[in-house]
Protein backbone atom coordinates (compact mmCIF):
# COMPACT_ATOMS: atom_id res chain seq x y z
CA MET A 1 -50.29 103.10 -185.75
CA GLU A 2 -53.39 103.21 -187.96
CA ILE A 3 -55.00 106.58 -188.65
CA SER A 4 -57.84 104.79 -190.44
CA PRO A 5 -58.51 101.11 -191.27
CA ASN A 6 -55.79 99.89 -193.69
CA ILE A 7 -53.95 103.27 -193.51
CA GLU A 8 -50.92 103.32 -191.22
CA ILE A 9 -48.72 106.23 -190.16
CA LYS A 10 -45.07 105.50 -190.94
CA ASN A 11 -42.75 108.29 -189.85
CA LEU A 12 -44.11 111.34 -191.74
CA ALA A 13 -45.70 109.20 -194.45
CA LEU A 14 -48.76 106.99 -194.84
CA PHE A 15 -48.80 103.37 -195.89
CA LEU A 16 -51.87 101.79 -197.49
CA LYS A 17 -51.33 98.17 -196.55
CA LYS A 18 -53.81 96.51 -198.90
CA GLU A 19 -52.66 98.56 -201.89
CA GLN A 20 -48.94 98.36 -200.91
CA THR A 21 -48.72 102.12 -201.47
CA LEU A 22 -46.54 104.69 -199.71
CA VAL A 23 -47.84 108.29 -199.60
CA ILE A 24 -45.63 111.31 -198.94
CA GLY A 25 -46.56 114.97 -198.46
CA ASP A 26 -44.98 118.24 -199.56
CA LEU A 27 -41.22 117.91 -200.19
CA HIS A 28 -40.63 121.50 -201.35
CA PHE A 29 -37.18 120.75 -202.76
CA GLY A 30 -35.45 124.00 -203.60
CA PHE A 31 -36.71 125.78 -200.48
CA GLU A 32 -33.20 126.38 -199.11
CA GLU A 33 -31.97 127.85 -202.40
CA ALA A 34 -35.00 130.16 -202.51
CA LEU A 35 -34.17 131.35 -198.97
CA ASN A 36 -30.50 131.80 -199.88
CA LYS A 37 -31.50 134.08 -202.76
CA GLN A 38 -33.44 136.19 -200.25
CA GLY A 39 -30.33 136.54 -198.08
CA VAL A 40 -31.34 133.87 -195.53
CA LEU A 41 -28.30 131.66 -195.12
CA ILE A 42 -29.23 128.15 -194.01
CA PRO A 43 -27.43 124.86 -194.72
CA ARG A 44 -28.90 122.72 -197.50
CA LEU A 45 -29.70 119.63 -195.45
CA GLN A 46 -33.26 118.95 -196.63
CA VAL A 47 -32.48 116.40 -199.33
CA LYS A 48 -30.10 114.41 -197.11
CA GLU A 49 -32.70 114.00 -194.37
CA ALA A 50 -35.52 113.31 -196.85
CA GLU A 51 -33.38 110.73 -198.63
CA ARG A 52 -32.39 109.06 -195.35
CA ARG A 53 -35.98 108.72 -194.16
CA LEU A 54 -37.25 107.68 -197.58
CA LYS A 55 -34.60 104.95 -197.86
CA GLN A 56 -35.68 103.58 -194.48
CA LEU A 57 -39.33 103.56 -195.54
CA LEU A 58 -38.64 101.91 -198.89
CA GLU A 59 -36.49 99.21 -197.29
CA GLU A 60 -38.98 98.53 -194.49
CA ILE A 61 -42.20 98.63 -196.51
CA GLN A 62 -41.12 97.56 -200.02
CA PRO A 63 -44.08 99.41 -201.63
CA LYS A 64 -45.28 98.72 -205.14
CA LYS A 65 -46.40 102.31 -205.59
CA VAL A 66 -45.34 105.71 -204.20
CA ILE A 67 -47.64 108.74 -204.35
CA LEU A 68 -46.31 112.27 -203.78
CA VAL A 69 -49.28 114.50 -202.97
CA GLY A 70 -47.95 117.71 -204.48
CA ASP A 71 -45.40 120.49 -204.03
CA VAL A 72 -42.46 118.31 -204.91
CA LYS A 73 -40.63 121.52 -205.86
CA HIS A 74 -40.70 124.97 -204.32
CA GLU A 75 -40.08 127.61 -207.01
CA PHE A 76 -43.24 128.65 -208.88
CA GLY A 77 -42.01 130.05 -212.20
CA THR A 78 -38.67 128.36 -212.76
CA ILE A 79 -36.62 125.25 -211.96
CA SER A 80 -33.66 126.00 -209.71
CA ASN A 81 -30.40 124.06 -209.80
CA GLN A 82 -31.20 122.57 -206.41
CA GLU A 83 -34.59 121.39 -207.67
CA TRP A 84 -33.09 119.71 -210.74
CA ASN A 85 -30.47 117.85 -208.72
CA ASN A 86 -32.46 116.93 -205.63
CA ILE A 87 -35.70 115.93 -207.33
CA LEU A 88 -34.03 113.63 -209.85
CA ARG A 89 -32.02 112.10 -207.01
CA ILE A 90 -35.20 111.25 -205.11
CA PHE A 91 -37.00 110.06 -208.26
CA ASP A 92 -34.16 107.63 -208.97
CA LEU A 93 -34.37 106.28 -205.43
CA ILE A 94 -38.10 105.60 -205.76
CA ILE A 95 -38.42 104.27 -209.32
CA LYS A 96 -35.78 101.62 -208.69
CA GLN A 97 -38.43 99.62 -206.90
CA ALA A 98 -41.86 101.27 -207.27
CA GLU A 99 -44.22 103.04 -209.62
CA LEU A 100 -44.21 106.79 -208.94
CA ILE A 101 -47.33 108.96 -209.12
CA ILE A 102 -47.11 112.71 -208.57
CA ILE A 103 -50.16 114.81 -207.74
CA LYS A 104 -49.47 118.32 -208.99
CA GLY A 105 -49.39 120.94 -206.27
CA ASN A 106 -49.65 124.69 -206.61
CA HIS A 107 -45.81 124.90 -206.60
CA ASP A 108 -45.50 122.25 -209.34
CA THR A 109 -46.51 124.39 -212.32
CA ILE A 110 -43.19 123.64 -214.05
CA ILE A 111 -42.44 120.06 -212.99
CA LYS A 112 -42.97 118.34 -216.35
CA PRO A 113 -39.43 119.06 -217.68
CA ILE A 114 -38.06 117.18 -214.64
CA THR A 115 -40.46 114.22 -214.76
CA GLU A 116 -39.85 113.79 -218.51
CA ARG A 117 -36.21 112.93 -217.72
CA ARG A 118 -37.36 109.64 -216.24
CA THR A 119 -39.77 106.84 -217.18
CA ASN A 120 -42.41 105.18 -214.97
CA ILE A 121 -43.61 108.52 -213.54
CA LYS A 122 -47.21 109.70 -213.84
CA VAL A 123 -48.18 113.34 -213.15
CA MET A 124 -51.86 113.90 -212.35
CA ASP A 125 -54.19 116.48 -210.81
CA GLU A 126 -55.91 113.78 -208.75
CA TYR A 127 -55.70 110.03 -208.37
CA PHE A 128 -58.02 107.32 -207.09
CA LEU A 129 -57.19 103.97 -205.53
CA GLY A 130 -60.62 102.43 -205.14
CA GLU A 131 -62.54 104.74 -202.81
CA ILE A 132 -59.43 106.64 -201.72
CA GLN A 133 -58.79 109.96 -203.46
CA PHE A 134 -55.43 111.73 -203.50
CA LEU A 135 -55.31 115.50 -204.01
CA HIS A 136 -52.82 118.23 -203.21
CA GLY A 137 -55.46 120.10 -201.21
CA ASP A 138 -55.37 123.59 -202.72
CA ILE A 139 -58.43 122.98 -204.92
CA ILE A 140 -61.68 121.17 -204.15
CA THR A 141 -62.77 118.83 -206.94
CA LYS A 142 -66.32 117.91 -207.92
CA GLU A 143 -65.85 114.18 -207.39
CA MET A 144 -65.17 113.08 -203.82
CA GLY A 145 -63.70 109.83 -202.58
CA LYS A 146 -64.90 108.05 -199.46
CA ILE A 147 -61.47 108.94 -198.05
CA ILE A 148 -59.57 112.02 -199.26
CA ILE A 149 -55.83 112.35 -198.57
CA ILE A 150 -54.25 115.78 -199.03
CA GLY A 151 -51.09 117.77 -198.33
CA HIS A 152 -50.74 121.53 -198.89
CA GLU A 153 -51.49 122.58 -195.30
CA HIS A 154 -48.18 121.49 -193.65
CA PRO A 155 -50.03 121.05 -190.33
CA ALA A 156 -48.20 121.33 -187.03
CA VAL A 157 -49.32 121.89 -183.44
CA SER A 158 -47.88 123.48 -180.32
CA PHE A 159 -48.74 122.96 -176.66
CA ARG A 160 -49.50 125.43 -173.90
CA GLU A 161 -46.57 124.07 -171.89
CA ARG A 162 -44.17 124.48 -174.87
CA PRO A 163 -45.64 127.36 -176.91
CA THR A 164 -42.49 128.09 -178.94
CA GLU A 165 -42.12 124.53 -180.25
CA ARG A 166 -44.10 123.11 -183.18
CA PHE A 167 -44.62 119.45 -184.00
CA LYS A 168 -45.58 118.14 -187.42
CA CYS A 169 -48.88 116.29 -187.28
CA PHE A 170 -51.48 114.31 -189.18
CA LEU A 171 -55.11 115.38 -189.04
CA LYS A 172 -58.26 113.33 -189.62
CA GLY A 173 -61.81 114.59 -189.70
CA LYS A 174 -64.90 114.96 -191.87
CA TYR A 175 -65.37 116.97 -195.03
CA LYS A 176 -69.02 116.69 -196.06
CA ASN A 177 -69.56 112.92 -196.46
CA SER A 178 -65.87 112.05 -196.79
CA ILE A 179 -63.12 111.25 -194.31
CA LEU A 180 -60.36 113.82 -194.79
CA ILE A 181 -56.75 112.99 -193.88
CA VAL A 182 -54.22 115.84 -193.94
CA MET A 183 -50.52 114.95 -194.14
CA PRO A 184 -47.58 116.88 -192.69
CA SER A 185 -44.82 118.06 -195.01
CA PHE A 186 -41.83 115.82 -195.72
CA ASN A 187 -39.70 118.97 -195.57
CA PHE A 188 -37.23 119.33 -192.70
CA VAL A 189 -36.36 123.01 -193.02
CA SER A 190 -39.70 124.12 -191.56
CA GLU A 191 -42.02 122.49 -189.03
CA GLY A 192 -45.08 123.87 -190.82
CA THR A 193 -48.15 125.93 -189.91
CA ASP A 194 -49.29 125.87 -186.28
CA ILE A 195 -52.98 125.20 -186.76
CA THR A 196 -53.68 125.85 -183.08
CA LYS A 197 -52.80 129.54 -183.67
CA GLN A 198 -52.74 130.37 -187.37
CA LYS A 199 -55.30 130.44 -190.15
CA VAL A 200 -55.54 127.36 -192.36
CA LEU A 201 -54.65 127.39 -196.07
CA SER A 202 -56.61 124.53 -197.59
CA PRO A 203 -60.18 125.22 -198.74
CA PHE A 204 -61.07 121.79 -197.38
CA LEU A 205 -60.13 122.83 -193.85
CA LYS A 206 -61.68 126.28 -194.20
CA LYS A 207 -65.03 124.60 -194.79
CA ALA A 208 -64.64 121.82 -192.20
CA ASP A 209 -65.20 121.74 -188.44
CA LEU A 210 -61.48 121.95 -187.70
CA GLU A 211 -61.79 121.68 -183.92
CA SER A 212 -63.31 118.21 -184.28
CA PHE A 213 -60.32 116.85 -186.21
CA GLU A 214 -58.14 114.26 -184.51
CA VAL A 215 -54.38 114.77 -184.18
CA TRP A 216 -51.44 112.37 -184.48
CA ILE A 217 -47.81 113.43 -183.98
CA SER A 218 -44.97 111.32 -185.37
CA GLU A 219 -41.68 111.68 -183.50
CA ASP A 220 -39.69 108.72 -182.11
CA LYS A 221 -43.03 106.92 -182.48
CA THR A 222 -46.60 107.95 -183.29
CA TYR A 223 -48.62 109.65 -180.56
CA TYR A 224 -52.39 110.19 -180.59
CA PHE A 225 -53.54 113.49 -179.04
CA GLY A 226 -57.31 113.35 -179.43
CA LYS A 227 -59.36 116.25 -180.83
CA LEU A 228 -57.71 119.46 -181.97
CA LYS A 229 -60.06 121.53 -179.78
CA GLU A 230 -58.32 120.05 -176.73
CA LEU A 231 -55.03 121.62 -177.88
CA MET A 232 -56.38 125.01 -178.98
């Protein structure tokens, strides 16, 4: 299903058909290890599920380019063992068939030592494909694309009938004169932030008319749920 002309929702990713580019949101590899250090014992299943879904996407789409829109890793001031192992594993899967571009997120302050272990990887603060701009979403830049694609927020929604359940979602709305598309996280430990109940993180969304944003949920297929105000 298209979220915008030429931009299709594929699982929890976006595919730019004309540019043959796959876009993936926050992976947060290392999240389980960080929780384990805090005494929260959860199984380390994130990379297996991310790898499984990514393999399916790469085989189905055969992209020429893959863009990760920030927060590839989770730890701020160090590189954990889980981050080293899992990130390189995913990098190897991608660069076998596509160019890899990483947009630095606020958790990616020390990602360069990992990316330097491989070739054909570019690390940038922002990236343009024609009029489409890719940012992490934690900082607003001076230059604005006609379409801006961000992560950072990890958006999810809940429903009145099922208030305890959250569903990862895509958002699309306006930020000034640009179309803003917000991606869900590609992390399977957490469903994300319930934007029907909680405060938003991204400065883009803090300054936008959030209730007017449209919502798409990707489960067994993609479902369109209209304006966010109808769910709040």
